[in-house]
PDB file of N, CA and C in Angstrom:
ATOM      1  N   MET A   1     129.008 139.242  97.207  1.00  0.00           N
ATOM      2  CA  MET A   1     128.831 138.711  95.876  1.00  0.00           C
ATOM      3  C   MET A   1     128.037 139.731  95.064  1.00  0.00           C
ATOM      4  N   LEU A   2     128.458 140.015  93.873  1.00  0.00           N
ATOM      5  CA  LEU A   2     127.748 140.920  92.971  1.00  0.00           C
ATOM      6  C   LEU A   2     126.991 140.112  91.941  1.00  0.00           C
ATOM      7  N   ARG A   3     125.779 140.599  91.596  1.00  0.00           N
ATOM      8  CA  ARG A   3     124.959 139.899  90.616  1.00  0.00           C
ATOM      9  C   ARG A   3     124.299 140.940  89.725  1.00  0.00           C
ATOM     10  N   LEU A   4     124.334 140.719  88.425  1.00  0.00           N
ATOM     11  CA  LEU A   4     123.693 141.609  87.466  1.00  0.00           C
ATOM     12  C   LEU A   4     122.392 140.960  87.014  1.00  0.00           C
ATOM     13  N   SER A   5     121.284 141.690  87.161  1.00  0.00           N
ATOM     14  CA  SER A   5     119.979 141.190  86.773  1.00  0.00           C
ATOM     15  C   SER A   5     119.317 142.260  85.912  1.00  0.00           C
ATOM     16  N   GLY A   6     119.327 142.047  84.604  1.00  0.00           N
ATOM     17  CA  GLY A   6     118.806 143.078  83.700  1.00  0.00           C
ATOM     18  C   GLY A   6     119.678 144.316  83.802  1.00  0.00           C
ATOM     19  N   ASN A   7     119.081 145.437  84.155  1.00  0.00           N
ATOM     20  CA  ASN A   7     119.836 146.678  84.348  1.00  0.00           C
ATOM     21  C   ASN A   7     120.154 146.931  85.818  1.00  0.00           C
ATOM     22  N   ASP A   8     119.859 145.965  86.681  1.00  0.00           N
ATOM     23  CA  ASP A   8     120.065 146.127  88.120  1.00  0.00           C
ATOM     24  C   ASP A   8     121.334 145.418  88.564  1.00  0.00           C
ATOM     25  N   LEU A   9     122.081 146.048  89.437  1.00  0.00           N
ATOM     26  CA  LEU A   9     123.262 145.454  90.038  1.00  0.00           C
ATOM     27  C   LEU A   9     122.939 145.184  91.506  1.00  0.00           C
ATOM     28  N   TRP A  10     123.026 143.919  91.922  1.00  0.00           N
ATOM     29  CA  TRP A  10     122.692 143.505  93.279  1.00  0.00           C
ATOM     30  C   TRP A  10     123.948 143.130  94.034  1.00  0.00           C
ATOM     31  N   THR A  11     124.002 143.498  95.303  1.00  0.00           N
ATOM     32  CA  THR A  11     125.063 143.060  96.204  1.00  0.00           C
ATOM     33  C   THR A  11     124.427 142.122  97.209  1.00  0.00           C
ATOM     34  N   GLU A  12     124.951 140.921  97.317  1.00  0.00           N
ATOM     35  CA  GLU A  12     124.406 139.935  98.229  1.00  0.00           C
ATOM     36  C   GLU A  12     125.430 139.626  99.311  1.00  0.00           C
ATOM     37  N   PHE A  13     124.960 139.572 100.549  1.00  0.00           N
ATOM     38  CA  PHE A  13     125.801 139.239 101.689  1.00  0.00           C
ATOM     39  C   PHE A  13     125.281 137.928 102.277  1.00  0.00           C
ATOM     40  N   PRO A  14     126.089 136.885 102.245  1.00  0.00           N
ATOM     41  CA  PRO A  14     125.615 135.595 102.774  1.00  0.00           C
ATOM     42  C   PRO A  14     125.506 135.640 104.301  1.00  0.00           C
ATOM     43  N   TYR A  15     124.577 134.840 104.836  1.00  0.00           N
ATOM     44  CA  TYR A  15     124.442 134.709 106.282  1.00  0.00           C
ATOM     45  C   TYR A  15     125.589 133.868 106.811  1.00  0.00           C
ATOM     46  N   SER A  16     126.047 134.173 108.013  1.00  0.00           N
ATOM     47  CA  SER A  16     127.130 133.391 108.607  1.00  0.00           C
ATOM     48  C   SER A  16     126.582 132.032 109.048  1.00  0.00           C
ATOM     49  N   PRO A  17     127.429 131.015 109.037  1.00  0.00           N
ATOM     50  CA  PRO A  17     126.987 129.689 109.485  1.00  0.00           C
ATOM     51  C   PRO A  17     126.490 129.716 110.936  1.00  0.00           C
ATOM     52  N   GLU A  18     127.092 130.551 111.786  1.00  0.00           N
ATOM     53  CA  GLU A  18     126.666 130.655 113.184  1.00  0.00           C
ATOM     54  C   GLU A  18     125.236 131.183 113.273  1.00  0.00           C
ATOM     55  N   TYR A  19     124.903 132.174 112.435  1.00  0.00           N
ATOM     56  CA  TYR A  19     123.559 132.743 112.432  1.00  0.00           C
ATOM     57  C   TYR A  19     122.545 131.701 111.965  1.00  0.00           C
ATOM     58  N   LEU A  20     122.860 131.005 110.896  1.00  0.00           N
ATOM     59  CA  LEU A  20     121.952 129.987 110.364  1.00  0.00           C
ATOM     60  C   LEU A  20     121.734 128.873 111.374  1.00  0.00           C
ATOM     61  N   LYS A  21     122.781 128.510 112.109  1.00  0.00           N
ATOM     62  CA  LYS A  21     122.641 127.480 113.140  1.00  0.00           C
ATOM     63  C   LYS A  21     121.754 127.992 114.271  1.00  0.00           C
ATOM     64  N   ALA A  22     121.902 129.260 114.624  1.00  0.00           N
ATOM     65  CA  ALA A  22     121.138 129.842 115.732  1.00  0.00           C
ATOM     66  C   ALA A  22     119.649 129.927 115.428  1.00  0.00           C
ATOM     67  N   ILE A  23     119.266 130.186 114.181  1.00  0.00           N
ATOM     68  CA  ILE A  23     117.843 130.343 113.854  1.00  0.00           C
ATOM     69  C   ILE A  23     117.155 129.020 113.574  1.00  0.00           C
ATOM     70  N   GLY A  24     117.916 127.956 113.419  1.00  0.00           N
ATOM     71  CA  GLY A  24     117.311 126.637 113.232  1.00  0.00           C
ATOM     72  C   GLY A  24     117.218 126.234 111.774  1.00  0.00           C
ATOM     73  N   GLU A  25     117.090 124.947 111.560  1.00  0.00           N
ATOM     74  CA  GLU A  25     117.089 124.396 110.206  1.00  0.00           C
ATOM     75  C   GLU A  25     115.891 124.820 109.381  1.00  0.00           C
ATOM     76  N   GLY A  26     114.691 124.836 109.971  1.00  0.00           N
ATOM     77  CA  GLY A  26     113.486 125.199 109.223  1.00  0.00           C
ATOM     78  C   GLY A  26     113.557 126.613 108.688  1.00  0.00           C
ATOM     79  N   ALA A  27     114.076 127.509 109.493  1.00  0.00           N
ATOM     80  CA  ALA A  27     114.175 128.903 109.074  1.00  0.00           C
ATOM     81  C   ALA A  27     115.272 129.082 108.039  1.00  0.00           C
ATOM     82  N   GLN A  28     116.307 128.232 108.074  1.00  0.00           N
ATOM     83  CA  GLN A  28     117.400 128.360 107.116  1.00  0.00           C
ATOM     84  C   GLN A  28     116.903 128.223 105.686  1.00  0.00           C
ATOM     85  N   LYS A  29     115.970 127.313 105.480  1.00  0.00           N
ATOM     86  CA  LYS A  29     115.441 127.118 104.135  1.00  0.00           C
ATOM     87  C   LYS A  29     114.705 128.357 103.666  1.00  0.00           C
ATOM     88  N   LYS A  30     113.966 129.003 104.579  1.00  0.00           N
ATOM     89  CA  LYS A  30     113.199 130.187 104.225  1.00  0.00           C
ATOM     90  C   LYS A  30     114.099 131.386 103.965  1.00  0.00           C
ATOM     91  N   VAL A  31     115.224 131.470 104.682  1.00  0.00           N
ATOM     92  CA  VAL A  31     116.134 132.601 104.512  1.00  0.00           C
ATOM     93  C   VAL A  31     116.628 132.671 103.084  1.00  0.00           C
ATOM     94  N   GLY A  32     116.914 131.540 102.474  1.00  0.00           N
ATOM     95  CA  GLY A  32     117.465 131.520 101.133  1.00  0.00           C
ATOM     96  C   GLY A  32     116.442 131.659 100.025  1.00  0.00           C
ATOM     97  N   GLU A  33     115.154 131.558 100.334  1.00  0.00           N
ATOM     98  CA  GLU A  33     114.129 131.649  99.297  1.00  0.00           C
ATOM     99  C   GLU A  33     114.050 133.059  98.741  1.00  0.00           C
ATOM    100  N   THR A  34     113.750 133.156  97.464  1.00  0.00           N
ATOM    101  CA  THR A  34     113.520 134.467  96.868  1.00  0.00           C
ATOM    102  C   THR A  34     112.193 134.453  96.144  1.00  0.00           C
ATOM    103  N   SER A  35     111.574 135.610  96.053  1.00  0.00           N
ATOM    104  CA  SER A  35     110.290 135.705  95.362  1.00  0.00           C
ATOM    105  C   SER A  35     110.527 135.820  93.866  1.00  0.00           C
ATOM    106  N   ALA A  36     109.442 135.852  93.104  1.00  0.00           N
ATOM    107  CA  ALA A  36     109.533 135.962  91.651  1.00  0.00           C
ATOM    108  C   ALA A  36     110.210 137.265  91.235  1.00  0.00           C
ATOM    109  N   ARG A  37     110.111 138.289  92.066  1.00  0.00           N
ATOM    110  CA  ARG A  37     110.727 139.581  91.735  1.00  0.00           C
ATOM    111  C   ARG A  37     112.186 139.626  92.150  1.00  0.00           C
ATOM    112  N   GLY A  38     112.677 138.581  92.843  1.00  0.00           N
ATOM    113  CA  GLY A  38     114.091 138.517  93.168  1.00  0.00           C
ATOM    114  C   GLY A  38     114.454 139.055  94.540  1.00  0.00           C
ATOM    115  N   SER A  39     113.524 139.555  95.297  1.00  0.00           N
ATOM    116  CA  SER A  39     113.872 140.081  96.605  1.00  0.00           C
ATOM    117  C   SER A  39     113.827 138.968  97.643  1.00  0.00           C
ATOM    118  N   VAL A  40     114.635 139.092  98.674  1.00  0.00           N
ATOM    119  CA  VAL A  40     114.692 138.077  99.715  1.00  0.00           C
ATOM    120  C   VAL A  40     113.458 138.196 100.585  1.00  0.00           C
ATOM    121  N   LYS A  41     112.812 137.067 100.850  1.00  0.00           N
ATOM    122  CA  LYS A  41     111.615 137.060 101.690  1.00  0.00           C
ATOM    123  C   LYS A  41     112.007 137.282 103.144  1.00  0.00           C
ATOM    124  N   SER A  42     111.170 137.977 103.858  1.00  0.00           N
ATOM    125  CA  SER A  42     111.378 138.210 105.285  1.00  0.00           C
ATOM    126  C   SER A  42     110.478 137.266 106.067  1.00  0.00           C
ATOM    127  N   SER A  43     110.660 135.983 105.881  1.00  0.00           N
ATOM    128  CA  SER A  43     109.759 135.030 106.499  1.00  0.00           C
ATOM    129  C   SER A  43     110.341 134.369 107.742  1.00  0.00           C
ATOM    130  N   VAL A  44     111.495 134.827 108.193  1.00  0.00           N
ATOM    131  CA  VAL A  44     112.062 134.275 109.404  1.00  0.00           C
ATOM    132  C   VAL A  44     111.307 134.881 110.577  1.00  0.00           C
ATOM    133  N   LYS A  45     110.617 134.044 111.307  1.00  0.00           N
ATOM    134  CA  LYS A  45     109.788 134.506 112.418  1.00  0.00           C
ATOM    135  C   LYS A  45     110.652 134.729 113.645  1.00  0.00           C
ATOM    136  N   SER A  46     110.155 135.545 114.534  1.00  0.00           N
ATOM    137  CA  SER A  46     110.836 135.782 115.793  1.00  0.00           C
ATOM    138  C   SER A  46     110.904 134.484 116.575  1.00  0.00           C
ATOM    139  N   SER A  47     112.035 134.230 117.191  1.00  0.00           N
ATOM    140  CA  SER A  47     112.173 132.986 117.939  1.00  0.00           C
ATOM    141  C   SER A  47     111.392 133.026 119.243  1.00  0.00           C
ATOM    142  N   VAL A  48     111.109 134.220 119.739  1.00  0.00           N
ATOM    143  CA  VAL A  48     110.317 134.361 120.953  1.00  0.00           C
ATOM    144  C   VAL A  48     108.969 134.913 120.542  1.00  0.00           C
ATOM    145  N   LYS A  49     107.946 134.065 120.635  1.00  0.00           N
ATOM    146  CA  LYS A  49     106.614 134.470 120.225  1.00  0.00           C
ATOM    147  C   LYS A  49     105.809 134.863 121.448  1.00  0.00           C
ATOM    148  N   SER A  50     105.073 135.938 121.342  1.00  0.00           N
ATOM    149  CA  SER A  50     104.242 136.380 122.454  1.00  0.00           C
ATOM    150  C   SER A  50     103.070 135.424 122.615  1.00  0.00           C
ATOM    151  N   SER A  51     102.860 134.969 123.832  1.00  0.00           N
ATOM    152  CA  SER A  51     101.749 134.050 124.079  1.00  0.00           C
ATOM    153  C   SER A  51     100.449 134.808 124.320  1.00  0.00           C
ATOM    154  N   VAL A  52     100.536 136.119 124.504  1.00  0.00           N
ATOM    155  CA  VAL A  52      99.348 136.935 124.754  1.00  0.00           C
ATOM    156  C   VAL A  52      99.042 137.731 123.484  1.00  0.00           C
ATOM    157  N   LYS A  53      97.809 137.639 123.019  1.00  0.00           N
ATOM    158  CA  LYS A  53      97.400 138.332 121.805  1.00  0.00           C
ATOM    159  C   LYS A  53      97.256 139.821 122.062  1.00  0.00           C
ATOM    160  N   THR A  54      97.387 140.622 121.008  1.00  0.00           N
ATOM    161  CA  THR A  54      97.323 142.070 121.101  1.00  0.00           C
ATOM    162  C   THR A  54      96.046 142.573 121.777  1.00  0.00           C
ATOM    163  N   PRO A  55      94.851 142.094 121.410  1.00  0.00           N
ATOM    164  CA  PRO A  55      93.652 142.597 122.081  1.00  0.00           C
ATOM    165  C   PRO A  55      93.686 142.391 123.600  1.00  0.00           C
ATOM    166  N   ASP A  56      94.194 141.237 124.041  1.00  0.00           N
ATOM    167  CA  ASP A  56      94.289 140.969 125.473  1.00  0.00           C
ATOM    168  C   ASP A  56      95.290 141.907 126.142  1.00  0.00           C
ATOM    169  N   ARG A  57      96.370 142.199 125.457  1.00  0.00           N
ATOM    170  CA  ARG A  57      97.374 143.114 125.996  1.00  0.00           C
ATOM    171  C   ARG A  57      96.803 144.523 126.104  1.00  0.00           C
ATOM    172  N   ILE A  58      96.018 144.926 125.101  1.00  0.00           N
ATOM    173  CA  ILE A  58      95.389 146.253 125.120  1.00  0.00           C
ATOM    174  C   ILE A  58      94.421 146.349 126.295  1.00  0.00           C
ATOM    175  N   LEU A  59      93.585 145.326 126.456  1.00  0.00           N
ATOM    176  CA  LEU A  59      92.615 145.331 127.554  1.00  0.00           C
ATOM    177  C   LEU A  59      93.309 145.390 128.915  1.00  0.00           C
ATOM    178  N   ALA A  60      94.383 144.646 129.072  1.00  0.00           N
ATOM    179  CA  ALA A  60      95.116 144.640 130.340  1.00  0.00           C
ATOM    180  C   ALA A  60      95.706 146.017 130.630  1.00  0.00           C
ATOM    181  N   LEU A  61      96.274 146.646 129.616  1.00  0.00           N
ATOM    182  CA  LEU A  61      96.855 147.982 129.808  1.00  0.00           C
ATOM    183  C   LEU A  61      95.796 149.022 130.146  1.00  0.00           C
ATOM    184  N   LEU A  62      94.687 148.994 129.417  1.00  0.00           N
ATOM    185  CA  LEU A  62      93.647 149.998 129.634  1.00  0.00           C
ATOM    186  C   LEU A  62      92.865 149.756 130.924  1.00  0.00           C
ATOM    187  N   GLU A  63      92.867 148.531 131.410  1.00  0.00           N
ATOM    188  CA  GLU A  63      92.204 148.249 132.676  1.00  0.00           C
ATOM    189  C   GLU A  63      92.984 148.887 133.830  1.00  0.00           C
ATOM    190  N   THR A  64      94.299 148.857 133.730  1.00  0.00           N
ATOM    191  CA  THR A  64      95.129 149.441 134.786  1.00  0.00           C
ATOM    192  C   THR A  64      95.409 150.923 134.560  1.00  0.00           C
ATOM    193  N   ASN A  65      95.274 151.377 133.308  1.00  0.00           N
ATOM    194  CA  ASN A  65      95.538 152.783 132.965  1.00  0.00           C
ATOM    195  C   ASN A  65      94.421 153.319 132.074  1.00  0.00           C
ATOM    196  N   PRO A  66      93.209 153.485 132.590  1.00  0.00           N
ATOM    197  CA  PRO A  66      92.068 153.873 131.758  1.00  0.00           C
ATOM    198  C   PRO A  66      92.193 155.267 131.133  1.00  0.00           C
ATOM    199  N   GLU A  67      93.046 156.095 131.666  1.00  0.00           N
ATOM    200  CA  GLU A  67      93.211 157.449 131.134  1.00  0.00           C
ATOM    201  C   GLU A  67      94.192 157.517 129.964  1.00  0.00           C
ATOM    202  N   TRP A  68      94.836 156.425 129.654  1.00  0.00           N
ATOM    203  CA  TRP A  68      95.827 156.409 128.577  1.00  0.00           C
ATOM    204  C   TRP A  68      95.176 156.659 127.221  1.00  0.00           C
ATOM    205  N   SER A  69      95.920 157.343 126.357  1.00  0.00           N
ATOM    206  CA  SER A  69      95.487 157.523 124.969  1.00  0.00           C
ATOM    207  C   SER A  69      95.934 156.308 124.162  1.00  0.00           C
ATOM    208  N   LEU A  70      95.442 156.208 122.937  1.00  0.00           N
ATOM    209  CA  LEU A  70      95.864 155.101 122.077  1.00  0.00           C
ATOM    210  C   LEU A  70      97.343 155.226 121.732  1.00  0.00           C
ATOM    211  N   ALA A  71      97.839 156.452 121.689  1.00  0.00           N
ATOM    212  CA  ALA A  71      99.275 156.666 121.435  1.00  0.00           C
ATOM    213  C   ALA A  71     100.099 156.103 122.591  1.00  0.00           C
ATOM    214  N   ASP A  72      99.612 156.261 123.822  1.00  0.00           N
ATOM    215  CA  ASP A  72     100.305 155.693 124.983  1.00  0.00           C
ATOM    216  C   ASP A  72     100.333 154.168 124.903  1.00  0.00           C
ATOM    217  N   VAL A  73      99.205 153.584 124.523  1.00  0.00           N
ATOM    218  CA  VAL A  73      99.114 152.127 124.390  1.00  0.00           C
ATOM    219  C   VAL A  73     100.055 151.646 123.287  1.00  0.00           C
ATOM    220  N   ALA A  74     100.059 152.344 122.165  1.00  0.00           N
ATOM    221  CA  ALA A  74     100.925 151.973 121.044  1.00  0.00           C
ATOM    222  C   ALA A  74     102.392 152.007 121.466  1.00  0.00           C
ATOM    223  N   GLU A  75     102.769 153.018 122.211  1.00  0.00           N
ATOM    224  CA  GLU A  75     104.153 153.124 122.671  1.00  0.00           C
ATOM    225  C   GLU A  75     104.497 151.983 123.632  1.00  0.00           C
ATOM    226  N   ALA A  76     103.593 151.690 124.550  1.00  0.00           N
ATOM    227  CA  ALA A  76     103.833 150.624 125.522  1.00  0.00           C
ATOM    228  C   ALA A  76     103.957 149.258 124.851  1.00  0.00           C
ATOM    229  N   LEU A  77     103.171 149.025 123.804  1.00  0.00           N
ATOM    230  CA  LEU A  77     103.189 147.731 123.109  1.00  0.00           C
ATOM    231  C   LEU A  77     104.150 147.709 121.926  1.00  0.00           C
ATOM    232  N   GLU A  78     104.824 148.835 121.698  1.00  0.00           N
ATOM    233  CA  GLU A  78     105.757 148.966 120.574  1.00  0.00           C
ATOM    234  C   GLU A  78     105.082 148.630 119.248  1.00  0.00           C
ATOM    235  N   MET A  79     103.908 149.249 119.049  1.00  0.00           N
ATOM    236  CA  MET A  79     103.146 149.077 117.816  1.00  0.00           C
ATOM    237  C   MET A  79     102.834 150.457 117.247  1.00  0.00           C
ATOM    238  N   THR A  80     102.250 150.488 116.058  1.00  0.00           N
ATOM    239  CA  THR A  80     101.829 151.757 115.479  1.00  0.00           C
ATOM    240  C   THR A  80     100.488 152.159 116.074  1.00  0.00           C
ATOM    241  N   VAL A  81     100.236 153.453 116.068  1.00  0.00           N
ATOM    242  CA  VAL A  81      98.954 153.952 116.562  1.00  0.00           C
ATOM    243  C   VAL A  81      97.828 153.395 115.703  1.00  0.00           C
ATOM    244  N   ARG A  82      98.052 153.304 114.406  1.00  0.00           N
ATOM    245  CA  ARG A  82      97.024 152.781 113.497  1.00  0.00           C
ATOM    246  C   ARG A  82      96.677 151.325 113.833  1.00  0.00           C
ATOM    247  N   GLY A  83      97.676 150.527 114.162  1.00  0.00           N
ATOM    248  CA  GLY A  83      97.433 149.147 114.547  1.00  0.00           C
ATOM    249  C   GLY A  83      96.604 149.056 115.817  1.00  0.00           C
ATOM    250  N   ILE A  84      96.886 149.931 116.773  1.00  0.00           N
ATOM    251  CA  ILE A  84      96.127 149.973 118.023  1.00  0.00           C
ATOM    252  C   ILE A  84      94.708 150.464 117.761  1.00  0.00           C
ATOM    253  N   GLU A  85      94.561 151.455 116.877  1.00  0.00           N
ATOM    254  CA  GLU A  85      93.223 151.956 116.530  1.00  0.00           C
ATOM    255  C   GLU A  85      92.362 150.832 115.958  1.00  0.00           C
ATOM    256  N   LYS A  86      92.923 150.044 115.060  1.00  0.00           N
ATOM    257  CA  LYS A  86      92.173 148.934 114.456  1.00  0.00           C
ATOM    258  C   LYS A  86      91.775 147.906 115.509  1.00  0.00           C
ATOM    259  N   ALA A  87      92.718 147.552 116.378  1.00  0.00           N
ATOM    260  CA  ALA A  87      92.447 146.543 117.399  1.00  0.00           C
ATOM    261  C   ALA A  87      91.407 147.032 118.405  1.00  0.00           C
ATOM    262  N   THR A  88      91.495 148.309 118.815  1.00  0.00           N
ATOM    263  CA  THR A  88      90.518 148.828 119.778  1.00  0.00           C
ATOM    264  C   THR A  88      89.142 148.973 119.135  1.00  0.00           C
ATOM    265  N   ALA A  89      89.098 149.290 117.848  1.00  0.00           N
ATOM    266  CA  ALA A  89      87.809 149.380 117.158  1.00  0.00           C
ATOM    267  C   ALA A  89      87.106 148.028 117.179  1.00  0.00           C
ATOM    268  N   LYS A  90      87.860 146.952 116.990  1.00  0.00           N
ATOM    269  CA  LYS A  90      87.279 145.610 117.045  1.00  0.00           C
ATOM    270  C   LYS A  90      86.811 145.279 118.459  1.00  0.00           C
ATOM    271  N   LEU A  91      87.581 145.714 119.460  1.00  0.00           N
ATOM    272  CA  LEU A  91      87.193 145.465 120.846  1.00  0.00           C
ATOM    273  C   LEU A  91      85.923 146.227 121.208  1.00  0.00           C
ATOM    274  N   VAL A  92      85.790 147.459 120.717  1.00  0.00           N
ATOM    275  CA  VAL A  92      84.582 148.257 120.947  1.00  0.00           C
ATOM    276  C   VAL A  92      83.398 147.587 120.264  1.00  0.00           C
ATOM    277  N   GLU A  93      83.618 147.118 119.038  1.00  0.00           N
ATOM    278  CA  GLU A  93      82.567 146.445 118.265  1.00  0.00           C
ATOM    279  C   GLU A  93      82.074 145.169 118.962  1.00  0.00           C
ATOM    280  N   LYS A  94      82.985 144.475 119.643  1.00  0.00           N
ATOM    281  CA  LYS A  94      82.638 143.240 120.353  1.00  0.00           C
ATOM    282  C   LYS A  94      82.154 143.507 121.778  1.00  0.00           C
ATOM    283  N   ASN A  95      81.954 144.784 122.116  1.00  0.00           N
ATOM    284  CA  ASN A  95      81.497 145.189 123.457  1.00  0.00           C
ATOM    285  C   ASN A  95      82.431 144.728 124.573  1.00  0.00           C
ATOM    286  N   LYS A  96      83.728 144.764 124.309  1.00  0.00           N
ATOM    287  CA  LYS A  96      84.716 144.437 125.333  1.00  0.00           C
ATOM    288  C   LYS A  96      85.405 145.695 125.865  1.00  0.00           C
ATOM    289  N   LEU A  97      85.205 146.814 125.162  1.00  0.00           N
ATOM    290  CA  LEU A  97      85.874 148.059 125.513  1.00  0.00           C
ATOM    291  C   LEU A  97      84.964 149.220 125.161  1.00  0.00           C
ATOM    292  N   LYS A  98      84.991 150.257 126.001  1.00  0.00           N
ATOM    293  CA  LYS A  98      84.137 151.418 125.767  1.00  0.00           C
ATOM    294  C   LYS A  98      84.884 152.672 126.197  1.00  0.00           C
ATOM    295  N   TYR A  99      84.735 153.735 125.402  1.00  0.00           N
ATOM    296  CA  TYR A  99      85.348 155.017 125.768  1.00  0.00           C
ATOM    297  C   TYR A  99      84.276 155.899 126.375  1.00  0.00           C
ATOM    298  N   ILE A 100      84.530 156.439 127.564  1.00  0.00           N
ATOM    299  CA  ILE A 100      83.585 157.258 128.301  1.00  0.00           C
ATOM    300  C   ILE A 100      84.082 158.703 128.318  1.00  0.00           C
ATOM    301  N   GLY A 101      83.201 159.641 127.980  1.00  0.00           N
ATOM    302  CA  GLY A 101      83.537 161.056 128.088  1.00  0.00           C
ATOM    303  C   GLY A 101      84.008 161.666 126.788  1.00  0.00           C
ATOM    304  N   PRO A 102      84.470 162.920 126.872  1.00  0.00           N
ATOM    305  CA  PRO A 102      84.925 163.622 125.672  1.00  0.00           C
ATOM    306  C   PRO A 102      86.247 163.054 125.166  1.00  0.00           C
ATOM    307  N   GLN A 103      86.580 163.397 123.920  1.00  0.00           N
ATOM    308  CA  GLN A 103      87.805 162.886 123.312  1.00  0.00           C
ATOM    309  C   GLN A 103      89.025 163.266 124.145  1.00  0.00           C
ATOM    310  N   LYS A 104      89.050 164.477 124.652  1.00  0.00           N
ATOM    311  CA  LYS A 104      90.128 164.896 125.548  1.00  0.00           C
ATOM    312  C   LYS A 104      89.569 164.926 126.959  1.00  0.00           C
ATOM    313  N   GLY A 105      90.153 164.141 127.822  1.00  0.00           N
ATOM    314  CA  GLY A 105      89.702 164.118 129.199  1.00  0.00           C
ATOM    315  C   GLY A 105      88.831 162.933 129.554  1.00  0.00           C
ATOM    316  N   GLY A 106      88.530 162.069 128.576  1.00  0.00           N
ATOM    317  CA  GLY A 106      87.728 160.883 128.838  1.00  0.00           C
ATOM    318  C   GLY A 106      88.596 159.743 129.320  1.00  0.00           C
ATOM    319  N   HIS A 107      87.998 158.562 129.420  1.00  0.00           N
ATOM    320  CA  HIS A 107      88.751 157.394 129.857  1.00  0.00           C
ATOM    321  C   HIS A 107      88.149 156.124 129.243  1.00  0.00           C
ATOM    322  N   TRP A 108      88.923 155.053 129.297  1.00  0.00           N
ATOM    323  CA  TRP A 108      88.508 153.750 128.778  1.00  0.00           C
ATOM    324  C   TRP A 108      87.891 152.918 129.887  1.00  0.00           C
ATOM    325  N   GLU A 109      86.906 152.132 129.518  1.00  0.00           N
ATOM    326  CA  GLU A 109      86.281 151.202 130.455  1.00  0.00           C
ATOM    327  C   GLU A 109      86.323 149.814 129.809  1.00  0.00           C
ATOM    328  N   VAL A 110      86.964 148.877 130.508  1.00  0.00           N
ATOM    329  CA  VAL A 110      87.041 147.496 130.029  1.00  0.00           C
ATOM    330  C   VAL A 110      85.782 146.788 130.509  1.00  0.00           C
ATOM    331  N   LEU A 111      85.023 146.233 129.582  1.00  0.00           N
ATOM    332  CA  LEU A 111      83.764 145.549 129.897  1.00  0.00           C
ATOM    333  C   LEU A 111      84.014 144.057 130.025  1.00  0.00           C
ATOM    334  N   LYS A 112      83.353 143.428 130.944  1.00  0.00           N
ATOM    335  CA  LYS A 112      83.533 141.982 131.196  1.00  0.00           C
ATOM    336  C   LYS A 112      82.568 141.167 130.379  1.00  0.00           C
TER     337      LYS A 112
END
């Protein structure tokens, strides 16, 4: 479907009925919502939610692999390095995690 909005030409592709049925009724309403600027909201949540929070996942990984860099952790958790940096900074601040040694060649220590 083509739509003209001011000087913008939009192409819209409707979702298939099978897809809408698969994601559930509650999500179907959100799929069709648009913001004030006209863009489609990305509010459909993943159907499989992780029951383990990121900080706990980081601690578990670093407990078994203390020599890992934050880039290694980010890759393992499929997150950005910046996201891992923020989460580990909070863990260090809460005294749950500590880095021992020089920046290159050091290791992580999970505190109880």
